[in-house]
Protein backbone atom coordinates (compact mmCIF):
# COMPACT_ATOMS: atom_id res chain seq x y z
CA MET A 1 0.00 0.00 0.00
CA SER A 2 1.56 3.27 -1.09
CA SER A 3 -0.85 5.75 0.54
CA LEU A 4 -3.48 5.73 3.27
CA LEU A 5 -5.68 8.51 4.61
CA ILE A 6 -7.14 8.29 8.13
CA LYS A 7 -9.99 10.72 8.72
CA ASN A 8 -11.62 12.02 11.94
CA ALA A 9 -9.48 10.16 14.47
CA GLN A 10 -9.01 11.10 18.11
CA VAL A 11 -5.20 11.03 18.16
CA VAL A 12 -3.61 10.09 21.50
CA ASN A 13 0.01 11.25 21.42
CA GLU A 14 2.56 13.06 23.57
CA GLY A 15 0.17 13.76 26.43
CA LYS A 16 -2.73 15.06 24.32
CA ILE A 17 -5.91 13.81 22.67
CA GLU A 18 -6.79 15.81 19.53
CA ALA A 19 -9.08 15.37 16.52
CA ARG A 20 -6.79 14.88 13.52
CA ASP A 21 -6.49 13.41 10.03
CA LEU A 22 -3.33 11.53 9.02
CA PHE A 23 -1.87 11.00 5.56
CA ILE A 24 0.51 8.05 5.21
CA LYS A 25 2.72 7.51 2.19
CA ASN A 26 5.43 4.93 1.52
CA GLY A 27 5.27 3.65 5.07
CA ARG A 28 5.64 6.99 6.83
CA ILE A 29 3.36 9.65 8.29
CA GLU A 30 3.57 12.44 5.73
CA LYS A 31 1.03 14.87 7.17
CA ILE A 32 -1.00 15.41 10.35
CA ALA A 33 -3.67 18.11 10.31
CA ARG A 34 -7.21 18.94 11.39
CA GLN A 35 -8.40 18.24 7.88
CA ILE A 36 -6.62 16.53 4.98
CA ASP A 37 -8.26 15.96 1.61
CA LEU A 38 -5.43 14.42 -0.38
CA PRO A 39 -6.17 11.50 -2.73
CA ALA A 40 -5.10 8.15 -1.27
CA ASP A 41 -5.11 4.50 -2.30
CA ARG A 42 -7.22 3.73 0.76
CA GLU A 43 -9.22 5.83 3.21
CA ILE A 44 -10.31 4.87 6.74
CA ASN A 45 -13.10 6.82 8.42
CA ALA A 46 -12.03 6.78 12.08
CA GLU A 47 -15.07 8.61 13.42
CA GLY A 48 -15.56 7.52 17.05
CA LEU A 49 -12.19 5.76 17.19
CA HIS A 50 -8.96 6.61 19.01
CA LEU A 51 -5.64 6.45 17.16
CA LEU A 52 -2.63 5.41 19.24
CA PRO A 53 1.00 4.67 18.39
CA GLY A 54 1.34 0.91 18.03
CA LEU A 55 2.63 -0.85 21.11
CA ILE A 56 6.34 -1.65 21.24
CA ASP A 57 6.72 -4.82 23.30
CA ASP A 58 10.26 -5.05 24.64
CA GLN A 59 9.93 -8.62 25.92
CA VAL A 60 8.43 -11.56 24.05
CA HIS A 61 9.29 -15.23 23.60
CA PHE A 62 8.13 -16.40 20.17
CA ARG A 63 9.82 -19.83 20.51
CA GLU A 64 11.51 -19.98 17.11
CA PRO A 65 13.77 -21.77 16.36
CA GLY A 66 13.60 -25.04 18.24
CA LEU A 67 10.32 -24.81 20.16
CA THR A 68 7.92 -24.24 17.31
CA TYR A 69 5.38 -26.75 18.59
CA LYS A 70 4.51 -23.98 21.10
CA ALA A 71 4.72 -20.94 18.81
CA ASN A 72 6.65 -19.34 15.97
CA ILE A 73 7.45 -15.86 14.76
CA PHE A 74 4.72 -15.91 12.10
CA THR A 75 1.90 -17.06 14.40
CA GLU A 76 2.82 -14.82 17.31
CA SER A 77 3.38 -11.74 15.14
CA ARG A 78 -0.17 -12.30 13.83
CA ALA A 79 -1.41 -12.31 17.42
CA ALA A 80 0.64 -9.17 18.07
CA VAL A 81 -0.82 -7.10 15.25
CA ALA A 82 -4.34 -8.29 16.10
CA GLY A 83 -3.73 -6.78 19.53
CA GLY A 84 -2.28 -3.47 18.35
CA THR A 85 1.38 -4.36 18.96
CA THR A 86 3.39 -3.21 15.96
CA SER A 87 6.96 -3.92 17.15
CA PHE A 88 8.52 -6.57 19.37
CA MET A 89 11.89 -7.49 20.87
CA GLU A 90 12.34 -11.22 21.24
CA MET A 91 14.39 -13.17 23.76
CA PRO A 92 17.35 -15.51 23.17
CA ASN A 93 16.23 -18.59 25.15
CA THR A 94 15.21 -20.44 22.00
CA VAL A 95 16.89 -23.69 20.87
CA PRO A 96 19.77 -23.48 20.40
CA ASN A 97 20.29 -20.59 22.83
CA VAL A 98 21.34 -17.42 20.99
CA LEU A 99 24.91 -17.22 22.29
CA THR A 100 26.70 -16.50 18.98
CA GLN A 101 26.30 -13.76 16.38
CA ARG A 102 25.60 -16.42 13.74
CA LEU A 103 22.66 -17.80 15.71
CA LEU A 104 21.43 -14.23 16.26
CA GLN A 105 21.54 -13.57 12.51
CA ASP A 106 19.56 -16.77 11.91
CA LYS A 107 16.71 -15.29 13.95
CA TYR A 108 16.83 -12.02 12.04
CA ASP A 109 16.57 -14.03 8.82
CA ILE A 110 13.42 -15.77 10.13
CA GLY A 111 11.98 -12.41 11.22
CA GLN A 112 12.59 -10.91 7.79
CA ASP A 113 10.85 -13.83 6.11
CA SER A 114 7.85 -14.28 8.39
CA SER A 115 7.11 -11.44 10.84
CA LEU A 116 4.03 -9.30 10.30
CA ALA A 117 5.26 -6.88 13.00
CA ASN A 118 8.51 -4.93 13.25
CA TYR A 119 11.14 -6.96 15.07
CA SER A 120 14.38 -7.04 16.96
CA PHE A 121 16.14 -9.91 18.74
CA PHE A 122 18.25 -9.86 21.89
CA MET A 123 21.73 -11.32 21.95
CA GLY A 124 22.10 -13.87 24.75
CA ALA A 125 24.79 -13.72 27.42
CA GLY A 126 26.24 -16.85 28.99
CA ASN A 127 29.03 -17.67 31.40
CA ASP A 128 31.59 -18.00 28.62
CA ASN A 129 30.59 -16.08 25.47
CA LEU A 130 31.90 -12.57 26.24
CA SER A 131 33.76 -12.32 22.92
CA GLU A 132 30.49 -12.95 21.03
CA VAL A 133 28.55 -10.52 23.23
CA LEU A 134 31.08 -7.78 22.49
CA LYS A 135 30.45 -8.12 18.73
CA THR A 136 26.80 -7.05 19.19
CA ASN A 137 25.95 -4.07 16.98
CA PRO A 138 24.09 -1.39 19.03
CA ARG A 139 22.69 0.09 15.81
CA ASP A 140 20.52 -2.86 14.81
CA VAL A 141 20.25 -5.13 17.89
CA CYS A 142 17.94 -4.11 20.74
CA GLY A 143 20.19 -5.33 23.55
CA ILE A 144 21.88 -8.13 25.47
CA LYS A 145 19.82 -10.41 27.69
CA ILE A 146 21.15 -11.85 30.94
CA PHE A 147 19.24 -14.41 32.98
CA MET A 148 20.36 -13.71 36.55
CA GLY A 149 17.86 -16.38 37.61
CA SER A 150 17.14 -19.60 35.75
CA SER A 151 13.91 -19.78 33.78
CA THR A 152 12.70 -21.44 30.59
CA GLY A 153 15.75 -22.33 28.51
CA ASN A 154 18.47 -22.77 31.16
CA MET A 155 20.55 -19.70 30.28
CA LEU A 156 21.53 -18.81 33.85
CA VAL A 157 24.64 -16.62 34.19
CA ASP A 158 25.93 -17.40 37.68
CA ASN A 159 29.68 -16.88 37.30
CA GLU A 160 30.53 -13.68 39.21
CA GLU A 161 33.51 -12.81 37.02
CA ALA A 162 31.48 -13.35 33.83
CA LEU A 163 28.69 -11.12 35.15
CA ASP A 164 31.12 -8.39 36.08
CA GLN A 165 32.83 -8.50 32.70
CA ILE A 166 29.54 -8.32 30.80
CA PHE A 167 28.33 -5.36 32.88
CA LYS A 168 31.71 -3.68 32.47
CA ASN A 169 32.13 -4.16 28.72
CA ALA A 170 28.67 -4.49 27.15
CA PRO A 171 28.48 -2.32 24.03
CA THR A 172 24.77 -1.61 24.47
CA LEU A 173 21.77 -1.97 26.79
CA ILE A 174 21.63 -5.02 29.07
CA ALA A 175 18.20 -6.43 29.95
CA THR A 176 18.04 -8.73 32.97
CA HIS A 177 15.76 -11.39 34.43
CA CYS A 178 16.39 -11.01 38.15
CA GLU A 179 15.66 -13.82 40.62
CA ASP A 180 18.32 -15.04 43.06
CA GLU A 181 18.99 -18.66 42.18
CA SER A 182 20.20 -19.86 45.58
CA THR A 183 17.14 -18.36 47.32
CA VAL A 184 14.74 -19.99 44.84
CA LYS A 185 16.48 -23.35 45.22
CA ALA A 186 16.41 -23.16 49.02
CA ASN A 187 12.71 -22.22 49.01
CA LEU A 188 11.88 -25.05 46.62
CA ALA A 189 13.79 -27.55 48.76
CA HIS A 190 11.87 -26.34 51.83
CA TYR A 191 8.45 -26.86 50.23
CA LYS A 192 9.45 -30.19 48.72
CA GLU A 193 10.54 -31.33 52.17
CA LEU A 194 7.09 -30.41 53.47
CA TYR A 195 4.96 -31.65 50.56
CA GLY A 196 7.16 -33.93 48.44
CA GLU A 197 6.08 -33.84 44.80
CA ASP A 198 2.69 -32.38 45.79
CA VAL A 199 3.84 -28.75 45.93
CA THR A 200 0.98 -26.65 44.55
CA ILE A 201 0.72 -23.49 42.45
CA ASP A 202 -0.24 -21.25 45.39
CA MET A 203 3.31 -21.80 46.73
CA HIS A 204 4.87 -20.41 43.53
CA PRO A 205 5.21 -16.81 44.86
CA LEU A 206 6.67 -18.19 48.10
CA ILE A 207 9.28 -20.22 46.19
CA ARG A 208 10.12 -17.51 43.66
CA SER A 209 9.79 -15.03 46.47
CA GLU A 210 10.01 -11.29 47.07
CA GLU A 211 13.41 -11.86 48.69
CA ALA A 212 14.69 -13.75 45.61
CA CYS A 213 13.60 -10.92 43.31
CA TYR A 214 14.94 -8.11 45.47
CA LEU A 215 18.33 -9.75 46.09
CA SER A 216 18.92 -10.22 42.37
CA SER A 217 17.53 -6.86 41.20
CA SER A 218 19.55 -4.98 43.82
CA LYS A 219 22.66 -6.87 42.73
CA ALA A 220 22.06 -5.90 39.09
CA VAL A 221 21.61 -2.25 40.10
CA GLU A 222 24.83 -2.40 42.14
CA LEU A 223 26.77 -3.87 39.19
CA ALA A 224 25.32 -1.27 36.83
CA LYS A 225 26.23 1.63 39.12
CA LYS A 226 29.74 0.26 39.59
CA ASN A 227 30.32 -0.05 35.82
CA ASN A 228 28.04 2.74 34.50
CA THR A 229 26.13 0.09 32.55
CA ARG A 230 22.94 0.86 30.64
CA LEU A 231 20.69 -1.55 32.56
CA HIS A 232 17.02 -2.39 31.98
CA ILE A 233 15.43 -4.73 34.55
CA LEU A 234 12.55 -6.75 33.19
CA HIS A 235 9.20 -7.78 34.75
CA ILE A 236 9.34 -6.17 38.19
CA SER A 237 7.02 -8.28 40.34
CA THR A 238 7.29 -6.80 43.84
CA GLY A 239 6.55 -3.44 45.40
CA LYS A 240 9.85 -3.64 47.27
CA GLU A 241 11.89 -3.61 44.05
CA THR A 242 10.33 -0.36 42.85
CA ALA A 243 12.44 1.57 45.39
CA LEU A 244 15.57 0.57 43.44
CA PHE A 245 14.63 3.00 40.67
CA THR A 246 14.37 6.78 40.43
CA ASN A 247 11.84 9.20 39.00
CA SER A 248 13.88 12.30 39.84
CA ILE A 249 15.51 12.66 36.40
CA PRO A 250 14.09 12.52 32.85
CA LEU A 251 13.96 9.06 31.27
CA GLU A 252 16.44 10.18 28.60
CA GLN A 253 19.05 10.65 31.34
CA LYS A 254 18.50 7.36 33.18
CA ARG A 255 21.16 4.66 33.05
CA ILE A 256 18.96 2.22 34.96
CA THR A 257 15.36 1.61 33.86
CA ALA A 258 12.62 -0.90 34.63
CA GLU A 259 9.72 -2.71 33.01
CA ALA A 260 6.38 -3.93 34.36
CA CYS A 261 4.35 -6.65 32.65
CA ILE A 262 0.64 -6.98 32.04
CA HIS A 263 0.21 -10.02 34.29
CA HIS A 264 1.82 -8.30 37.28
CA LEU A 265 -0.54 -5.36 36.76
CA TRP A 266 -3.64 -7.54 36.41
CA PHE A 267 -3.47 -10.75 38.45
CA SER A 268 -2.65 -11.44 42.12
CA ASP A 269 -1.95 -14.54 44.18
CA ALA A 270 -5.71 -14.79 44.85
CA ASP A 271 -6.14 -15.78 41.19
CA TYR A 272 -4.12 -19.01 41.52
CA LYS A 273 -7.27 -20.68 42.88
CA THR A 274 -9.11 -20.27 39.59
CA LYS A 275 -6.32 -19.87 37.02
CA GLY A 276 -3.78 -22.36 38.40
CA ASN A 277 -0.71 -22.99 36.22
CA TYR A 278 -2.18 -20.78 33.50
CA ILE A 279 -0.86 -17.77 35.47
CA LYS A 280 2.41 -19.45 36.45
CA TRP A 281 5.12 -17.02 35.40
CA ASN A 282 8.71 -16.37 36.42
CA PRO A 283 8.93 -14.12 38.33
CA ALA A 284 5.71 -15.09 40.03
CA VAL A 285 2.47 -13.14 40.26
CA LYS A 286 2.50 -12.01 43.89
CA THR A 287 0.13 -10.16 46.24
CA ALA A 288 -2.55 -7.59 45.44
CA THR A 289 -0.42 -5.10 47.39
CA ASP A 290 2.53 -5.80 45.08
CA ARG A 291 0.26 -5.38 42.06
CA ASP A 292 -0.99 -2.00 43.31
CA GLN A 293 2.53 -0.81 44.17
CA ILE A 294 3.82 -1.81 40.73
CA LEU A 295 1.03 0.16 39.05
CA ALA A 296 1.77 3.15 41.28
CA ALA A 297 5.45 2.94 40.28
CA VAL A 298 4.48 2.80 36.60
CA LEU A 299 2.36 5.91 36.97
CA ASP A 300 4.88 7.92 39.01
CA GLY A 301 7.84 7.10 36.75
CA HIS A 302 9.86 4.71 38.92
CA ILE A 303 8.98 2.03 36.35
CA ASP A 304 9.36 3.23 32.78
CA VAL A 305 7.66 0.83 30.37
CA ILE A 306 4.91 -1.79 30.16
CA ALA A 307 5.39 -5.02 28.18
CA THR A 308 4.02 -8.58 28.08
CA ASP A 309 6.71 -11.25 28.53
CA HIS A 310 4.53 -13.19 26.07
CA ALA A 311 5.73 -16.78 26.51
CA PRO A 312 3.42 -19.51 25.18
CA HIS A 313 3.38 -23.15 26.23
CA THR A 314 0.94 -25.83 25.13
CA ILE A 315 -2.23 -26.62 27.09
CA GLU A 316 -0.83 -30.10 27.71
CA GLU A 317 2.28 -28.63 29.32
CA LYS A 318 0.28 -26.24 31.47
CA GLU A 319 -2.07 -29.01 32.62
CA GLN A 320 0.81 -30.91 34.23
CA PRO A 321 1.30 -30.79 38.04
CA TYR A 322 2.81 -27.56 39.38
CA LEU A 323 6.41 -28.81 39.56
CA GLN A 324 6.36 -30.01 35.95
CA ALA A 325 4.30 -27.23 34.35
CA PRO A 326 6.48 -24.59 32.64
CA SER A 327 6.23 -20.88 33.45
CA GLY A 328 4.89 -18.39 30.95
CA GLY A 329 1.78 -17.60 28.96
CA PRO A 330 0.45 -15.79 25.87
CA LEU A 331 -0.42 -12.11 26.36
CA VAL A 332 0.56 -10.14 23.27
CA GLN A 333 -2.88 -10.29 21.61
CA HIS A 334 -4.71 -8.82 24.62
CA ALA A 335 -2.19 -6.48 26.26
CA LEU A 336 -3.63 -3.24 24.93
CA GLN A 337 -7.20 -4.27 25.71
CA ALA A 338 -6.16 -5.16 29.27
CA LEU A 339 -4.63 -1.70 29.70
CA LEU A 340 -7.71 -0.06 28.20
CA ASP A 341 -9.76 -1.90 30.84
CA LEU A 342 -7.54 -0.26 33.47
CA VAL A 343 -8.33 3.08 31.81
CA LYS A 344 -12.05 2.28 31.97
CA GLN A 345 -11.61 1.47 35.69
CA GLY A 346 -10.00 4.88 36.28
CA LYS A 347 -6.60 3.41 37.17
CA MET A 348 -4.73 4.93 34.20
CA THR A 349 -5.32 7.44 31.44
CA LEU A 350 -5.11 6.83 27.70
CA GLU A 351 -2.17 9.21 27.57
CA GLN A 352 -0.34 7.16 30.21
CA VAL A 353 -0.95 3.93 28.30
CA VAL A 354 0.63 5.48 25.21
CA GLN A 355 3.52 6.90 27.24
CA LYS A 356 4.38 3.55 28.83
CA THR A 357 3.85 1.26 25.83
CA ALA A 358 5.22 3.37 22.97
CA HIS A 359 6.91 6.70 23.78
CA ASN A 360 8.97 5.44 26.72
CA THR A 361 9.97 2.19 25.04
CA ALA A 362 11.24 4.21 22.09
CA ILE A 363 13.22 6.44 24.49
CA CYS A 364 14.58 3.53 26.57
CA PHE A 365 15.91 1.68 23.54
CA GLU A 366 16.64 4.78 21.41
CA ILE A 367 14.46 3.39 18.62
CA GLU A 368 14.74 5.28 15.36
CA GLN A 369 11.61 7.11 14.18
CA ARG A 370 8.99 4.95 15.89
CA GLY A 371 6.85 5.14 19.03
CA TYR A 372 5.25 8.52 18.28
CA ILE A 373 2.65 9.90 15.90
CA ARG A 374 4.85 12.46 14.17
CA GLU A 375 5.34 13.64 10.62
CA GLY A 376 8.30 11.79 9.10
CA TYR A 377 8.03 8.85 11.49
CA TRP A 378 7.11 5.32 10.45
CA ALA A 379 3.36 4.74 10.51
CA ASP A 380 3.01 2.19 13.33
CA LEU A 381 -0.54 2.80 14.51
CA VAL A 382 -3.58 1.21 16.12
CA LEU A 383 -7.20 2.35 15.94
CA VAL A 384 -9.33 1.29 18.90
CA ASP A 385 -13.02 1.47 19.73
CA LEU A 386 -13.29 2.23 23.44
CA ASN A 387 -17.01 1.45 23.49
CA LYS A 388 -17.18 -1.89 21.69
CA GLY A 389 -16.75 -4.88 23.98
CA TYR A 390 -14.73 -7.94 22.98
CA THR A 391 -14.97 -11.39 24.56
CA VAL A 392 -11.93 -13.67 24.39
CA THR A 393 -12.87 -17.14 23.15
CA LYS A 394 -10.96 -20.16 21.87
CA ASP A 395 -12.09 -19.22 18.36
CA ASN A 396 -10.49 -15.76 18.35
CA ILE A 397 -7.17 -16.60 20.05
CA LEU A 398 -4.41 -16.36 17.44
CA SER A 399 -1.38 -17.57 19.44
CA LYS A 400 -0.42 -21.05 18.27
CA CYS A 401 -0.85 -22.49 21.79
CA GLY A 402 -4.60 -21.90 21.52
CA TRP A 403 -5.31 -20.57 25.01
CA SER A 404 -5.22 -17.34 26.98
CA PRO A 405 -5.42 -16.46 30.68
CA TYR A 406 -8.11 -14.00 29.55
CA GLU A 407 -10.33 -16.65 27.99
CA GLY A 408 -13.95 -15.89 28.88
CA HIS A 409 -13.17 -12.28 29.84
CA THR A 410 -15.01 -9.47 28.07
CA PHE A 411 -12.81 -6.45 27.48
CA SER A 412 -14.42 -3.03 27.30
CA SER A 413 -12.67 -2.12 24.04
CA SER A 414 -11.84 -3.57 20.63
CA ILE A 415 -8.87 -3.33 18.27
CA VAL A 416 -10.25 -2.14 14.90
CA HIS A 417 -7.21 -1.57 12.65
CA THR A 418 -3.45 -2.03 13.07
CA ILE A 419 -0.95 -0.41 10.71
CA VAL A 420 2.67 -1.64 10.61
CA SER A 421 5.26 0.47 8.80
CA GLY A 422 2.45 1.95 6.70
CA ASN A 423 0.82 -1.39 5.81
CA LEU A 424 -2.64 -2.27 7.06
CA ALA A 425 -1.80 -5.51 8.90
CA TYR A 426 -5.08 -6.10 10.75
CA SER A 427 -8.54 -4.80 9.94
CA GLU A 428 -11.87 -5.49 11.66
CA GLY A 429 -11.12 -9.00 12.79
CA LYS A 430 -8.98 -10.08 9.84
CA ILE A 431 -5.22 -10.43 9.45
CA ILE A 432 -3.99 -8.97 6.18
CA GLU A 433 -0.85 -10.92 5.34
CA VAL A 434 0.74 -8.45 2.95
CA GLY A 435 3.89 -6.50 3.49
CA SER A 436 6.11 -7.44 6.38
CA GLY A 437 7.53 -5.97 9.53
CA HIS A 438 10.80 -4.08 9.39
CA ARG A 439 13.95 -4.64 11.43
CA LEU A 440 14.09 -2.02 14.17
CA LEU A 441 17.01 0.40 14.11
CA PHE A 442 18.43 2.29 17.08
CA ASN A 443 19.99 5.76 17.41
CA ARG A 444 23.12 4.63 19.21
């Protein structure tokens, strides 16, 4: 599609909501004005709809290569665009683990061939691949991922010297999964001593505990301060951890930033009774107090961005007993609708949703010409109807795993159109598999 005209939209951007038309040509926003009457190949009447920058999800697990029975880049990017997410950054705990530049390039090749959304892939850090990590190009790779606690994929970095060297020498942003391994192991041993193999899901936040999270996150912050590292801590799950971060300087000046995920803003440990392993994540969903404190930290700027940690597993895997069931779940298709429910509940504003899912992610990662609705920027956009409800059913779940923790829930809003790099990728319930996502570039 070479040109697209959007008429009569309520544009949510940079702290304002304004009635505007947009003219898109060759993938970019060419003009924004109160009224535009230029000829276009396609016109969308957005009367009654809100136009937002597409979400930029800085943490997904799309399972390709090696785990494609759970998901792949094509299927999950379809789910992403159906949910208004136009760009994603994917994690290296695929099979084989992405610990070399060659394996990293293999993933970019898959993304180029099959992703409907814009994409970037993290380079993985291990105990003994520093030379490969140092070859990472900050211009076209989103960052380096370090698992400072073991999770799906067994990529734990637990060698103190290796950690120190990565923090000291990393050529770009480091993103960390922070849970203290020895604390988790000791907690697990304690509960297994009490219950044997019959440990249950409600013990998950006691095993992967507040203490485990805080010990590891505080260690990462200490290492980053010591080495002046650009550190981004993923999926903060406790109120206690939020005190590790500052809101006293502009985001552009921060060397240490943090992310909150949809599930830690939505669920609490009370939900294990009904949702069971389907809300088993690492780090764990914890108390309602933690959930409220995380949201407060998002709103006051201690936490900078919101993402999903989309991490599908099969129903069969999730139906196993607690100790065998893997952690993670699909969220990318419903993330925006979940946040719009929080808006409806008066817990956030539309402007804050846009700030935390698009503007701030673009700032954090220094993404080139995305994350805002601006003339000259790439047209990554989502049109939403705030007054049209949407019920999640098995039939409308697009993730390959075929389930969602939101199944049966009726959201207050609907995703109407999603535009990726100027291409209409999703429209009124249908995926339009033309054009492809672009590789994200970074101003660094």
